[in-house]
Protein backbone atom coordinates (compact mmCIF):
# COMPACT_ATOMS: atom_id res chain seq x y z
CA MET A 1 119.89 84.99 -68.53
CA LYS A 2 120.47 86.12 -72.08
CA SER A 3 120.27 89.79 -71.13
CA SER A 4 123.31 89.45 -68.85
CA ARG A 5 125.28 87.85 -71.67
CA GLN A 6 124.70 90.87 -73.90
CA HIS A 7 126.51 93.11 -71.42
CA GLN A 8 129.66 91.04 -71.18
CA SER A 9 132.93 92.65 -72.06
CA VAL A 10 135.69 90.55 -73.50
CA SER A 11 139.36 91.34 -73.23
CA VAL A 12 141.60 89.31 -75.51
CA ASP A 13 145.22 90.16 -76.09
CA ASP A 14 147.91 88.40 -78.10
CA SER A 15 148.99 86.31 -75.13
CA LEU A 16 147.26 83.12 -74.08
CA LYS A 17 145.34 84.72 -71.17
CA CYS A 18 141.89 86.18 -71.72
CA SER A 19 139.19 87.53 -69.46
CA LEU A 20 135.41 87.80 -69.56
CA ALA A 21 133.35 90.21 -67.50
CA SER A 22 129.64 90.45 -66.80
CA PRO A 23 128.05 93.04 -64.49
CA ALA A 24 125.70 90.46 -62.97
CA ASP A 25 128.01 87.49 -62.42
CA GLY A 26 131.45 89.02 -62.13
CA SER A 27 134.46 88.14 -64.21
CA PHE A 28 137.06 85.45 -64.63
CA ASP A 29 140.26 84.89 -66.54
CA PHE A 30 140.91 81.86 -68.66
CA VAL A 31 144.01 80.39 -70.23
CA ILE A 32 144.02 79.18 -73.82
CA LYS A 33 146.10 76.08 -74.53
CA ARG A 34 146.50 75.30 -78.21
CA GLN A 35 147.10 71.61 -78.78
CA ARG A 36 146.90 68.91 -81.41
CA ARG A 37 143.27 67.93 -80.94
CA LYS A 38 139.95 67.98 -82.80
CA THR A 39 137.59 69.47 -80.21
CA ILE A 40 137.39 72.41 -77.82
CA ALA A 41 137.38 71.52 -74.13
CA LEU A 42 136.75 73.63 -71.04
CA HIS A 43 138.48 72.64 -67.78
CA ILE A 44 138.00 74.07 -64.31
CA MET A 45 141.18 73.35 -62.37
CA PRO A 46 141.23 72.56 -58.61
CA ASP A 47 142.46 76.10 -57.88
CA ALA A 48 139.37 77.50 -59.72
CA THR A 49 141.29 78.66 -62.79
CA VAL A 50 139.65 78.14 -66.15
CA GLU A 51 141.54 76.49 -68.98
CA VAL A 52 140.31 76.21 -72.57
CA ARG A 53 142.04 73.57 -74.66
CA VAL A 54 141.60 74.15 -78.37
CA PRO A 55 142.94 72.91 -81.70
CA LYS A 56 145.73 75.03 -83.16
CA TRP A 57 143.60 76.26 -86.06
CA VAL A 58 140.65 77.71 -84.06
CA PRO A 59 140.46 81.55 -84.11
CA LYS A 60 140.15 83.56 -80.88
CA TYR A 61 136.63 84.84 -81.59
CA GLU A 62 135.38 81.24 -81.79
CA ILE A 63 137.06 80.42 -78.47
CA VAL A 64 135.43 83.42 -76.81
CA ASP A 65 132.02 82.44 -78.24
CA PHE A 66 132.49 78.92 -76.88
CA VAL A 67 133.25 80.22 -73.38
CA GLU A 68 130.37 82.71 -73.49
CA GLN A 69 127.91 79.93 -74.37
CA ARG A 70 128.99 78.03 -71.26
CA TRP A 71 129.17 81.06 -68.98
CA ASP A 72 126.65 79.81 -66.41
CA TRP A 73 128.30 76.39 -66.16
CA VAL A 74 131.74 77.95 -65.68
CA ILE A 75 130.48 80.25 -62.90
CA ASP A 76 128.81 77.30 -61.09
CA GLN A 77 131.88 75.07 -61.39
CA ARG A 78 134.21 77.83 -60.20
CA LYS A 79 132.00 78.38 -57.13
CA GLU A 80 132.21 74.67 -56.33
CA ALA A 81 136.00 74.65 -56.80
CA LEU A 82 136.36 77.71 -54.53
CA LYS A 83 134.25 75.99 -51.85
CA LYS A 84 136.50 72.93 -51.97
CA LEU A 85 139.58 75.15 -51.85
CA ALA A 86 138.24 76.94 -48.76
CA LEU A 87 137.74 73.61 -46.95
CA LYS A 88 141.35 72.59 -47.51
CA PRO A 89 143.17 72.47 -44.15
CA SER A 90 145.97 74.87 -43.44
CA TYR A 91 149.03 73.68 -41.59
CA CYS A 92 150.51 76.17 -39.13
CA HIS A 93 153.48 75.77 -36.84
CA GLY A 94 152.48 74.40 -33.44
CA GLN A 95 149.18 72.81 -34.47
CA TYR A 96 148.34 69.16 -33.85
CA HIS A 97 147.27 67.06 -36.81
CA TYR A 98 146.11 63.49 -36.57
CA PHE A 99 147.79 60.96 -38.80
CA LEU A 100 145.90 57.77 -39.70
CA GLY A 101 143.08 58.38 -37.29
């Protein structure tokens, strides 16, 4: 596990979007939301996007370290969110859909 983390490449620009890449597990983008809070929180949204909510004073390198430490958890949670998203029904013109039963 730790060997794959050593090969990760991190792309951080001045905007609030960042991305992490690992040859073994793939890559994902995450959005940084700076807020009035005391702790760092990681959220996987229903559309499988990753959001990191941080205090305003936390530097970017600390945010990236936080996400890297939870890499495996993020990958697992994103897989689950993508599975749920794939099961969501699609509504096309002409189809029958049951309502209340």
